[in-house]
N, C-alpha and C. Protein backbone atom coordinates (compact mmCIF):
# COMPACT_ATOMS: atom_id res chain seq x y z
N MET A 1 80.84 -30.07 -14.64
CA MET A 1 81.96 -29.50 -14.41
C MET A 1 82.01 -28.12 -13.74
N ALA A 2 82.91 -27.88 -13.19
CA ALA A 2 83.02 -26.71 -12.45
C ALA A 2 83.48 -25.57 -13.42
N GLN A 3 82.92 -24.46 -13.18
CA GLN A 3 83.27 -23.30 -14.02
C GLN A 3 84.62 -22.75 -13.56
N ARG A 4 85.25 -22.21 -14.38
CA ARG A 4 86.52 -21.69 -14.17
C ARG A 4 86.21 -20.34 -13.31
N LYS A 5 87.33 -19.86 -12.71
CA LYS A 5 87.12 -18.70 -11.81
C LYS A 5 86.93 -17.55 -12.73
N SER A 6 87.50 -17.37 -13.85
CA SER A 6 87.28 -16.33 -14.65
C SER A 6 85.83 -16.23 -15.18
N ALA A 7 85.29 -17.37 -15.54
CA ALA A 7 83.95 -17.42 -15.86
C ALA A 7 82.91 -17.01 -14.84
N THR A 8 83.21 -17.33 -13.64
CA THR A 8 82.35 -16.86 -12.45
C THR A 8 82.48 -15.34 -12.31
N LYS A 9 83.75 -14.88 -12.45
CA LYS A 9 83.94 -13.40 -12.34
C LYS A 9 83.15 -12.63 -13.38
N THR A 10 83.26 -13.24 -14.54
CA THR A 10 82.55 -12.64 -15.61
C THR A 10 81.08 -12.56 -15.49
N GLU A 11 80.48 -13.69 -14.96
CA GLU A 11 79.17 -13.78 -14.74
C GLU A 11 78.61 -12.89 -13.63
N ALA A 12 79.51 -12.69 -12.59
CA ALA A 12 79.20 -11.80 -11.54
C ALA A 12 79.25 -10.28 -12.03
N ARG A 13 80.24 -10.02 -12.87
CA ARG A 13 80.35 -8.78 -13.50
C ARG A 13 79.08 -8.48 -14.24
N GLU A 14 78.59 -9.36 -15.01
CA GLU A 14 77.45 -9.14 -15.86
C GLU A 14 76.15 -8.91 -15.02
N ARG A 15 76.01 -9.62 -13.85
CA ARG A 15 74.90 -9.46 -13.02
C ARG A 15 75.13 -8.03 -12.30
N ALA A 16 76.26 -7.63 -11.97
CA ALA A 16 76.45 -6.37 -11.36
C ALA A 16 76.12 -5.22 -12.28
N ARG A 17 76.56 -5.37 -13.66
CA ARG A 17 76.29 -4.47 -14.74
C ARG A 17 74.65 -4.34 -14.88
N ARG A 18 74.02 -5.43 -15.00
CA ARG A 18 72.61 -5.52 -15.18
C ARG A 18 71.92 -4.73 -14.02
N ALA A 19 72.34 -4.95 -12.68
CA ALA A 19 71.75 -4.37 -11.56
C ALA A 19 72.14 -2.88 -11.58
N ALA A 20 73.23 -2.48 -11.93
CA ALA A 20 73.64 -1.06 -11.90
C ALA A 20 72.87 -0.39 -13.09
N ALA A 21 72.63 -1.08 -14.22
CA ALA A 21 71.96 -0.48 -15.31
C ALA A 21 70.40 -0.28 -14.96
N GLU A 22 69.92 -1.26 -14.23
CA GLU A 22 68.49 -1.16 -13.68
C GLU A 22 68.41 0.06 -12.63
N SER A 23 69.34 0.12 -11.88
CA SER A 23 69.40 1.22 -10.83
C SER A 23 69.46 2.53 -11.40
N MET A 24 70.35 2.49 -12.53
CA MET A 24 70.60 3.76 -13.38
C MET A 24 69.42 4.28 -14.02
N ALA A 25 68.58 3.29 -14.55
CA ALA A 25 67.50 3.46 -15.36
C ALA A 25 66.40 3.96 -14.47
N ARG A 26 66.21 3.31 -13.26
CA ARG A 26 65.27 3.78 -12.18
C ARG A 26 65.68 5.17 -11.79
N GLU A 27 66.96 5.47 -11.54
CA GLU A 27 67.40 6.79 -11.13
C GLU A 27 66.96 7.84 -12.16
N GLN A 28 67.23 7.50 -13.38
CA GLN A 28 66.84 8.33 -14.55
C GLN A 28 65.37 8.64 -14.57
N ARG A 29 64.51 7.44 -14.39
CA ARG A 29 63.14 7.76 -14.42
C ARG A 29 62.70 8.65 -13.24
N LEU A 30 63.32 8.51 -12.03
CA LEU A 30 63.00 9.29 -10.87
C LEU A 30 63.40 10.70 -11.15
N LEU A 31 64.39 11.05 -11.76
CA LEU A 31 64.83 12.30 -12.14
C LEU A 31 63.90 12.95 -13.08
N GLU A 32 63.47 12.24 -14.11
CA GLU A 32 62.40 12.79 -14.96
C GLU A 32 61.16 13.03 -14.31
N LEU A 33 60.77 12.22 -13.37
CA LEU A 33 59.46 12.41 -12.72
C LEU A 33 59.53 13.68 -11.78
N GLY A 34 60.70 13.83 -11.20
CA GLY A 34 60.90 15.04 -10.32
C GLY A 34 60.93 16.28 -11.13
N GLU A 35 61.56 16.18 -12.36
CA GLU A 35 61.48 17.38 -13.20
C GLU A 35 60.05 17.67 -13.70
N GLN A 36 59.22 16.66 -13.89
CA GLN A 36 57.78 16.97 -14.23
C GLN A 36 57.04 17.50 -13.09
N PHE A 37 57.45 17.19 -12.00
CA PHE A 37 56.77 17.63 -10.71
C PHE A 37 57.02 19.08 -10.63
N PHE A 38 58.30 19.51 -10.74
CA PHE A 38 58.70 20.94 -10.56
C PHE A 38 58.18 21.82 -11.66
N VAL A 39 58.03 21.31 -12.87
CA VAL A 39 57.50 21.99 -13.97
C VAL A 39 55.94 22.24 -13.77
N ALA A 40 55.27 21.21 -13.18
CA ALA A 40 53.84 21.39 -12.84
C ALA A 40 53.69 22.29 -11.72
N GLN A 41 54.57 22.36 -10.74
CA GLN A 41 54.48 23.21 -9.64
C GLN A 41 54.69 24.74 -10.04
N GLY A 42 55.59 24.85 -11.01
CA GLY A 42 55.77 26.13 -11.55
C GLY A 42 54.53 26.65 -12.34
N GLU A 43 53.95 25.80 -13.03
CA GLU A 43 52.72 26.02 -13.76
C GLU A 43 51.50 26.55 -12.72
N ALA A 44 51.46 25.64 -11.80
CA ALA A 44 50.38 25.85 -10.76
C ALA A 44 50.65 27.29 -10.13
N GLU A 45 51.91 27.60 -9.79
CA GLU A 45 52.15 28.86 -9.13
C GLU A 45 51.93 30.08 -10.16
N GLN A 46 52.29 29.82 -11.32
CA GLN A 46 51.89 30.88 -12.37
C GLN A 46 50.44 31.11 -12.56
N ILE A 47 49.71 29.99 -12.57
CA ILE A 47 48.23 30.03 -12.73
C ILE A 47 47.72 30.77 -11.53
N MET A 48 48.17 30.43 -10.33
CA MET A 48 47.50 31.25 -9.04
C MET A 48 48.02 32.83 -9.01
N LYS A 49 49.20 33.13 -9.57
CA LYS A 49 49.46 34.51 -9.74
C LYS A 49 48.58 35.21 -10.62
N THR A 50 48.38 34.52 -11.86
CA THR A 50 47.57 35.12 -12.72
C THR A 50 46.05 35.29 -12.24
N ALA A 51 45.59 34.29 -11.55
CA ALA A 51 44.15 34.38 -11.03
C ALA A 51 44.11 35.51 -10.01
N GLU A 52 45.19 35.54 -8.96
CA GLU A 52 45.21 36.66 -8.10
C GLU A 52 45.19 38.11 -8.67
N ARG A 53 45.94 38.21 -9.80
CA ARG A 53 45.98 39.45 -10.44
C ARG A 53 44.69 39.74 -11.07
N ARG A 54 44.00 38.77 -11.56
CA ARG A 54 42.63 38.92 -12.17
C ARG A 54 41.74 39.23 -11.07
N PHE A 55 41.73 38.60 -9.88
CA PHE A 55 40.85 38.89 -8.86
C PHE A 55 40.90 40.33 -8.34
N ALA A 56 42.24 40.76 -8.32
CA ALA A 56 42.52 42.10 -7.79
C ALA A 56 41.97 43.16 -8.83
N GLU A 57 42.05 42.80 -10.04
CA GLU A 57 41.40 43.69 -11.09
C GLU A 57 39.92 43.79 -11.06
N ILE A 58 39.32 42.53 -10.90
CA ILE A 58 37.92 42.41 -10.79
C ILE A 58 37.40 43.16 -9.50
N ARG A 59 38.05 43.01 -8.38
CA ARG A 59 37.66 43.64 -7.12
C ARG A 59 37.82 45.13 -7.29
N THR A 60 38.84 45.64 -7.89
CA THR A 60 39.01 46.99 -8.05
C THR A 60 37.88 47.72 -8.93
N LYS A 61 37.61 46.93 -10.04
CA LYS A 61 36.44 47.31 -10.97
C LYS A 61 35.14 47.27 -10.04
N ALA A 62 34.88 46.26 -9.32
CA ALA A 62 33.71 46.15 -8.54
C ALA A 62 33.64 47.23 -7.55
N GLU A 63 34.59 47.54 -6.92
CA GLU A 63 34.68 48.62 -5.96
C GLU A 63 34.27 49.99 -6.62
N GLN A 64 34.99 50.07 -7.74
CA GLN A 64 34.65 51.50 -8.57
C GLN A 64 33.14 51.47 -8.94
N ASP A 65 32.69 50.32 -9.32
CA ASP A 65 31.24 50.34 -9.86
C ASP A 65 30.37 50.60 -8.64
N ALA A 66 30.69 49.87 -7.46
CA ALA A 66 29.88 50.08 -6.36
C ALA A 66 29.89 51.49 -5.83
N ALA A 67 31.05 52.10 -5.89
CA ALA A 67 31.22 53.60 -5.50
C ALA A 67 30.32 54.48 -6.31
N GLN A 68 30.27 54.18 -7.70
CA GLN A 68 29.54 54.94 -8.67
C GLN A 68 27.97 54.66 -8.39
N ALA A 69 27.65 53.49 -7.94
CA ALA A 69 26.19 53.26 -7.71
C ALA A 69 25.84 53.82 -6.28
N LYS A 70 26.74 53.94 -5.41
CA LYS A 70 26.46 54.61 -4.13
C LYS A 70 26.44 56.00 -4.33
N ALA A 71 27.16 56.69 -5.25
CA ALA A 71 27.02 58.09 -5.56
C ALA A 71 25.74 58.38 -6.07
N SER A 72 25.36 57.53 -7.13
CA SER A 72 24.01 57.59 -7.70
C SER A 72 22.91 57.54 -6.71
N GLN A 73 22.95 56.68 -5.81
CA GLN A 73 21.98 56.65 -4.66
C GLN A 73 21.97 57.90 -3.84
N ALA A 74 23.25 58.43 -3.54
CA ALA A 74 23.29 59.69 -2.71
C ALA A 74 22.62 60.93 -3.55
N ARG A 75 22.88 60.96 -4.96
CA ARG A 75 22.32 62.03 -5.76
C ARG A 75 20.74 61.86 -5.76
N VAL A 76 20.28 60.63 -5.85
CA VAL A 76 18.76 60.42 -5.85
C VAL A 76 18.19 60.97 -4.56
N VAL A 77 18.84 60.68 -3.31
CA VAL A 77 18.29 61.03 -2.00
C VAL A 77 18.45 62.64 -1.90
N ALA A 78 19.51 63.21 -2.53
CA ALA A 78 19.71 64.62 -2.51
C ALA A 78 18.69 65.21 -3.27
N SER A 79 18.31 64.65 -4.47
CA SER A 79 17.27 65.22 -5.32
C SER A 79 15.87 65.17 -4.57
N MET A 80 15.60 64.10 -4.01
CA MET A 80 14.48 64.01 -3.10
C MET A 80 14.44 65.05 -2.01
N LYS A 81 15.54 65.30 -1.41
CA LYS A 81 15.71 66.22 -0.28
C LYS A 81 15.50 67.65 -0.94
N GLY A 82 15.98 67.84 -2.23
CA GLY A 82 15.65 69.11 -2.80
C GLY A 82 14.35 69.39 -3.25
N GLU A 83 13.45 68.40 -3.23
CA GLU A 83 12.05 68.51 -3.38
C GLU A 83 11.31 68.80 -2.10
N ARG A 84 12.11 69.02 -1.08
CA ARG A 84 11.57 69.38 0.20
C ARG A 84 10.87 68.33 0.90
N VAL A 85 11.29 67.03 0.67
CA VAL A 85 10.90 65.82 1.30
C VAL A 85 11.56 65.59 2.61
N THR A 86 10.93 65.31 3.75
CA THR A 86 11.57 65.04 5.02
C THR A 86 12.49 63.96 4.99
N VAL A 87 13.39 63.82 5.73
CA VAL A 87 14.30 62.66 5.96
C VAL A 87 13.53 61.46 6.23
N SER A 88 12.56 61.48 7.17
CA SER A 88 11.73 60.36 7.56
C SER A 88 10.94 59.85 6.39
N GLU A 89 10.41 60.75 5.54
CA GLU A 89 9.66 60.30 4.35
C GLU A 89 10.51 59.70 3.38
N ILE A 90 11.74 60.25 3.19
CA ILE A 90 12.71 59.57 2.13
C ILE A 90 12.96 58.12 2.71
N ALA A 91 13.21 57.99 4.01
CA ALA A 91 13.62 56.76 4.53
C ALA A 91 12.42 55.72 4.42
N GLN A 92 11.26 56.29 4.59
CA GLN A 92 10.08 55.32 4.33
C GLN A 92 9.87 54.93 2.85
N ARG A 93 10.07 55.96 2.12
CA ARG A 93 9.85 55.67 0.60
C ARG A 93 10.94 54.68 0.13
N LEU A 94 12.06 54.84 0.65
CA LEU A 94 13.15 54.02 0.01
C LEU A 94 13.60 52.78 0.86
N GLU A 95 12.84 52.53 1.95
CA GLU A 95 13.03 51.48 2.81
C GLU A 95 14.36 51.38 3.50
N LEU A 96 14.78 52.59 3.90
CA LEU A 96 16.02 52.85 4.54
C LEU A 96 15.76 53.36 5.96
N SER A 97 16.82 53.22 6.81
CA SER A 97 16.73 53.88 8.14
C SER A 97 16.99 55.46 7.89
N MET A 98 16.64 56.17 8.84
CA MET A 98 16.85 57.59 8.64
C MET A 98 18.28 57.83 8.89
N ALA A 99 19.17 57.07 9.58
CA ALA A 99 20.62 57.11 9.69
C ALA A 99 21.24 56.92 8.21
N GLU A 100 20.63 55.91 7.64
CA GLU A 100 21.23 55.62 6.29
C GLU A 100 20.92 56.70 5.31
N VAL A 101 19.75 57.30 5.41
CA VAL A 101 19.40 58.49 4.48
C VAL A 101 20.40 59.72 4.79
N ARG A 102 20.43 59.90 6.15
CA ARG A 102 21.30 61.00 6.49
C ARG A 102 22.78 60.82 5.94
N ALA A 103 23.26 59.59 6.08
CA ALA A 103 24.69 59.12 5.57
C ALA A 103 24.71 59.49 4.11
N LEU A 104 23.70 59.09 3.39
CA LEU A 104 23.64 59.33 1.92
C LEU A 104 23.60 60.82 1.59
N LEU A 105 22.88 61.56 2.34
CA LEU A 105 22.88 62.99 2.20
C LEU A 105 24.30 63.58 2.56
N LYS A 106 24.88 63.12 3.48
CA LYS A 106 26.23 63.50 3.84
C LYS A 106 27.23 63.20 2.68
N ASP A 107 27.18 61.97 2.15
CA ASP A 107 27.97 61.57 1.02
C ASP A 107 27.61 62.17 -0.31
N SER A 108 26.46 62.77 -0.40
CA SER A 108 26.05 63.42 -1.57
C SER A 108 26.98 64.54 -2.13
N PRO A 109 27.33 64.51 -3.37
CA PRO A 109 28.37 65.50 -3.93
C PRO A 109 27.62 66.93 -3.93
N ASP A 110 26.28 67.06 -3.75
CA ASP A 110 25.67 68.21 -3.78
C ASP A 110 25.67 68.88 -2.47
N SER A 111 25.88 68.06 -1.32
CA SER A 111 25.78 68.56 0.00
C SER A 111 27.10 69.34 0.38
N THR A 112 26.82 70.32 1.21
CA THR A 112 27.95 71.18 1.71
C THR A 112 27.85 71.20 3.20
N ASP A 113 28.90 71.68 3.95
CA ASP A 113 28.73 71.84 5.30
C ASP A 113 27.68 72.84 5.75
N SER A 114 27.27 73.87 4.89
CA SER A 114 26.25 74.79 5.27
C SER A 114 24.88 74.24 5.06
N ASP A 115 24.73 73.04 4.47
CA ASP A 115 23.48 72.38 4.29
C ASP A 115 23.07 71.41 5.30
N ALA A 116 23.72 71.53 6.47
CA ALA A 116 23.33 70.52 7.60
C ALA A 116 21.98 70.72 7.97
N VAL A 117 21.30 69.47 8.04
CA VAL A 117 19.97 69.39 8.22
C VAL A 117 19.57 68.61 9.48
N GLY A 118 18.67 69.16 10.28
CA GLY A 118 18.29 68.40 11.45
C GLY A 118 16.60 68.19 11.37
N GLU A 119 16.16 67.13 11.85
CA GLU A 119 14.78 66.89 11.75
C GLU A 119 14.30 66.80 13.13
N THR A 120 13.14 67.39 13.46
CA THR A 120 12.44 67.27 14.82
C THR A 120 11.61 66.07 14.76
N ALA A 121 11.07 65.76 16.02
CA ALA A 121 10.23 64.51 16.05
C ALA A 121 8.94 64.68 15.39
N ASP A 122 8.57 65.94 14.99
CA ASP A 122 7.33 66.01 14.30
C ASP A 122 7.48 65.87 12.76
N GLY A 123 8.71 65.44 12.46
CA GLY A 123 9.00 65.15 11.04
C GLY A 123 9.38 66.36 10.19
N LYS A 124 9.41 67.58 10.69
CA LYS A 124 9.78 68.84 9.97
C LYS A 124 11.24 68.98 10.13
N ASP A 125 11.81 69.37 8.97
CA ASP A 125 13.18 69.65 8.89
C ASP A 125 13.53 71.09 9.19
N HIS A 126 14.72 71.32 9.85
CA HIS A 126 15.05 72.72 10.01
C HIS A 126 16.59 72.73 9.79
N GLU A 127 17.00 73.73 9.11
CA GLU A 127 18.38 74.05 8.84
C GLU A 127 19.06 74.31 10.26
N VAL A 128 20.20 73.80 10.56
CA VAL A 128 20.92 73.99 11.78
C VAL A 128 21.14 75.50 11.85
N GLY A 129 20.85 76.12 13.09
CA GLY A 129 20.88 77.57 13.20
C GLY A 129 19.76 78.29 12.93
N GLU A 130 18.74 77.59 12.27
CA GLU A 130 17.42 78.26 11.88
C GLU A 130 16.55 78.23 13.13
N ALA A 131 15.72 79.21 13.27
CA ALA A 131 14.73 79.21 14.42
C ALA A 131 13.63 78.31 14.01
N ALA A 132 13.27 77.33 14.86
CA ALA A 132 12.13 76.43 14.67
C ALA A 132 10.96 77.12 15.34
N GLU A 133 9.75 76.95 14.68
CA GLU A 133 8.63 77.48 15.32
C GLU A 133 8.23 76.64 16.55
N VAL A 134 8.05 77.39 17.81
CA VAL A 134 7.83 76.58 18.96
C VAL A 134 6.32 76.80 19.16
N PRO A 135 5.59 75.70 19.32
CA PRO A 135 4.16 75.80 19.50
C PRO A 135 3.91 76.47 20.91
N GLU A 136 2.87 77.34 20.83
CA GLU A 136 2.46 78.15 21.90
C GLU A 136 1.55 77.18 22.90
N ARG A 137 1.88 77.37 24.24
CA ARG A 137 1.07 76.67 25.04
C ARG A 137 0.53 77.55 26.14
N LYS A 138 -0.59 77.22 26.82
CA LYS A 138 -1.17 77.93 27.76
C LYS A 138 -0.66 77.57 29.11
N SER A 139 -0.16 78.63 29.82
CA SER A 139 0.41 78.35 31.12
C SER A 139 -0.74 78.19 32.07
N GLY A 140 -0.44 77.96 33.36
CA GLY A 140 -1.54 78.00 34.36
C GLY A 140 -2.19 79.28 34.51
N LEU A 141 -1.65 80.39 33.93
CA LEU A 141 -2.24 81.75 34.13
C LEU A 141 -3.10 82.07 32.84
N ASP A 142 -3.46 81.09 32.04
CA ASP A 142 -4.22 81.30 30.90
C ASP A 142 -3.66 82.31 29.88
N GLU A 143 -2.42 82.33 29.75
CA GLU A 143 -1.84 83.28 28.68
C GLU A 143 -0.80 82.51 27.94
N PRO A 144 -0.57 82.89 26.67
CA PRO A 144 0.43 82.24 25.97
C PRO A 144 1.84 82.41 26.45
N VAL A 145 2.56 81.34 26.42
CA VAL A 145 3.93 81.34 26.97
C VAL A 145 4.85 81.30 25.71
N GLN A 146 5.77 82.31 25.56
CA GLN A 146 6.75 82.27 24.57
C GLN A 146 8.05 81.76 25.20
N LEU A 147 8.61 80.64 24.63
CA LEU A 147 9.81 80.13 25.27
C LEU A 147 11.00 81.10 25.21
N LEU A 148 10.94 81.93 24.28
CA LEU A 148 12.08 82.79 24.07
C LEU A 148 12.12 84.01 25.09
N SER A 149 11.03 84.21 25.82
CA SER A 149 10.99 85.34 26.73
C SER A 149 10.61 84.95 28.05
N LEU A 150 10.80 83.85 28.54
CA LEU A 150 10.52 83.39 29.99
C LEU A 150 11.56 83.82 30.90
N SER A 151 11.02 84.31 31.96
CA SER A 151 12.04 84.55 33.08
C SER A 151 12.34 83.22 33.90
N PRO A 152 13.48 83.25 34.59
CA PRO A 152 13.76 81.99 35.32
C PRO A 152 12.72 81.53 36.21
N SER A 153 12.00 82.45 36.86
CA SER A 153 11.01 81.88 37.76
C SER A 153 9.80 81.31 36.98
N ARG A 154 9.33 81.93 35.97
CA ARG A 154 8.28 81.48 35.17
C ARG A 154 8.69 80.28 34.43
N TRP A 155 9.95 80.07 34.17
CA TRP A 155 10.39 78.91 33.56
C TRP A 155 10.16 77.60 34.33
N ARG A 156 10.35 77.70 35.54
CA ARG A 156 10.17 76.49 36.39
C ARG A 156 8.67 76.15 36.43
N THR A 157 7.73 77.16 36.47
CA THR A 157 6.33 76.81 36.44
C THR A 157 5.81 76.28 35.10
N THR A 158 6.51 76.71 34.09
CA THR A 158 5.96 76.25 32.76
C THR A 158 6.76 75.11 32.18
N GLU A 159 7.78 74.70 32.96
CA GLU A 159 8.71 73.57 32.53
C GLU A 159 7.92 72.30 32.19
N ALA A 160 7.06 71.99 33.20
CA ALA A 160 6.37 70.71 32.98
C ALA A 160 5.42 70.79 31.72
N LEU A 161 4.86 71.91 31.41
CA LEU A 161 4.01 72.00 30.29
C LEU A 161 4.79 72.04 28.93
N CYS A 162 5.94 72.48 29.04
CA CYS A 162 6.81 72.58 27.82
C CYS A 162 7.79 71.42 27.69
N CYS A 163 7.81 70.47 28.57
CA CYS A 163 8.70 69.30 28.56
C CYS A 163 8.55 68.53 27.36
N GLN A 164 7.42 68.29 26.89
CA GLN A 164 7.17 67.45 25.76
C GLN A 164 7.63 68.10 24.47
N SER A 165 7.27 69.40 24.33
CA SER A 165 7.70 70.24 23.09
C SER A 165 9.20 70.24 23.06
N ILE A 166 9.80 70.51 24.30
CA ILE A 166 11.34 70.61 24.34
C ILE A 166 11.96 69.30 23.94
N SER A 167 11.41 68.18 24.46
CA SER A 167 12.11 66.92 24.11
C SER A 167 12.05 66.69 22.66
N ARG A 168 10.91 67.16 21.98
CA ARG A 168 10.86 67.06 20.55
C ARG A 168 11.93 67.85 19.90
N LEU A 169 12.21 69.00 20.37
CA LEU A 169 13.24 69.91 19.65
C LEU A 169 14.65 69.62 20.11
N MET A 170 14.87 68.75 21.08
CA MET A 170 16.25 68.51 21.57
C MET A 170 17.11 68.17 20.47
N ARG A 171 16.81 67.52 19.52
CA ARG A 171 17.75 67.21 18.36
C ARG A 171 18.45 68.35 17.65
N VAL A 172 17.68 69.46 17.70
CA VAL A 172 18.31 70.60 16.88
C VAL A 172 18.33 71.82 17.80
N THR A 173 18.05 71.77 19.13
CA THR A 173 18.13 72.92 20.06
C THR A 173 18.96 72.62 21.21
N THR A 174 19.35 73.60 21.88
CA THR A 174 20.04 73.68 23.14
C THR A 174 19.18 74.44 24.11
N VAL A 175 18.90 74.03 25.19
CA VAL A 175 18.10 74.75 26.14
C VAL A 175 19.03 75.36 27.27
N SER A 176 18.91 76.71 27.39
CA SER A 176 19.68 77.27 28.36
C SER A 176 18.78 77.57 29.61
N ARG A 177 18.93 76.89 30.61
CA ARG A 177 18.05 77.03 31.76
C ARG A 177 18.40 78.32 32.62
N ARG A 178 19.73 78.78 32.46
CA ARG A 178 20.14 79.94 33.30
C ARG A 178 19.41 81.21 32.85
N ARG A 179 19.18 81.28 31.55
CA ARG A 179 18.65 82.52 30.94
C ARG A 179 17.05 82.23 30.65
N GLY A 180 16.69 81.01 30.51
CA GLY A 180 15.37 80.68 30.21
C GLY A 180 15.12 80.94 28.74
N VAL A 181 16.19 80.65 27.86
CA VAL A 181 16.15 80.99 26.38
C VAL A 181 16.36 79.67 25.66
N VAL A 182 15.59 79.45 24.52
CA VAL A 182 15.93 78.41 23.67
C VAL A 182 16.77 78.97 22.60
N ILE A 183 18.05 78.39 22.53
CA ILE A 183 18.96 78.83 21.48
C ILE A 183 18.97 77.71 20.25
N LEU A 184 18.56 78.26 19.21
CA LEU A 184 18.49 77.39 18.11
C LEU A 184 19.68 77.45 17.21
């Protein structure tokens, strides 16, 4: 027998309710999953912020410790320099370049501007502004030549003989050709 029209409507209404209930249940599950996702995302962001803060604290502490160690290195190098050890010998003993030793001496809390030190090629240190001993050489006239008392004409004749000594002293001296005087 054929169902009545009202029974068909009732059955259709029930199917629509079941479909709507399933759809609403699915929508509720999706809402809950979305909520879980955003909670997890917030936790992840908080963890990253905490980690970044800890990294910054660790980096700051490491930089402070490294600065203290560098200052300790500079004090050791300054102490060695205080023992009248040349920059080249300090560099050799500590397996550093001479530039690194000079940088450590410059960074040393004990160093001052008046303690500027230059080193000649022979390995001897001279305070800047201090007269360095110039080795005497024999000129073609078999007499000692004093670099501080040469006349301009004699300067030219002895220049070839003195060139090697002068090149060694160039780091800490300035040669004035006009007056024939070595200014230290």
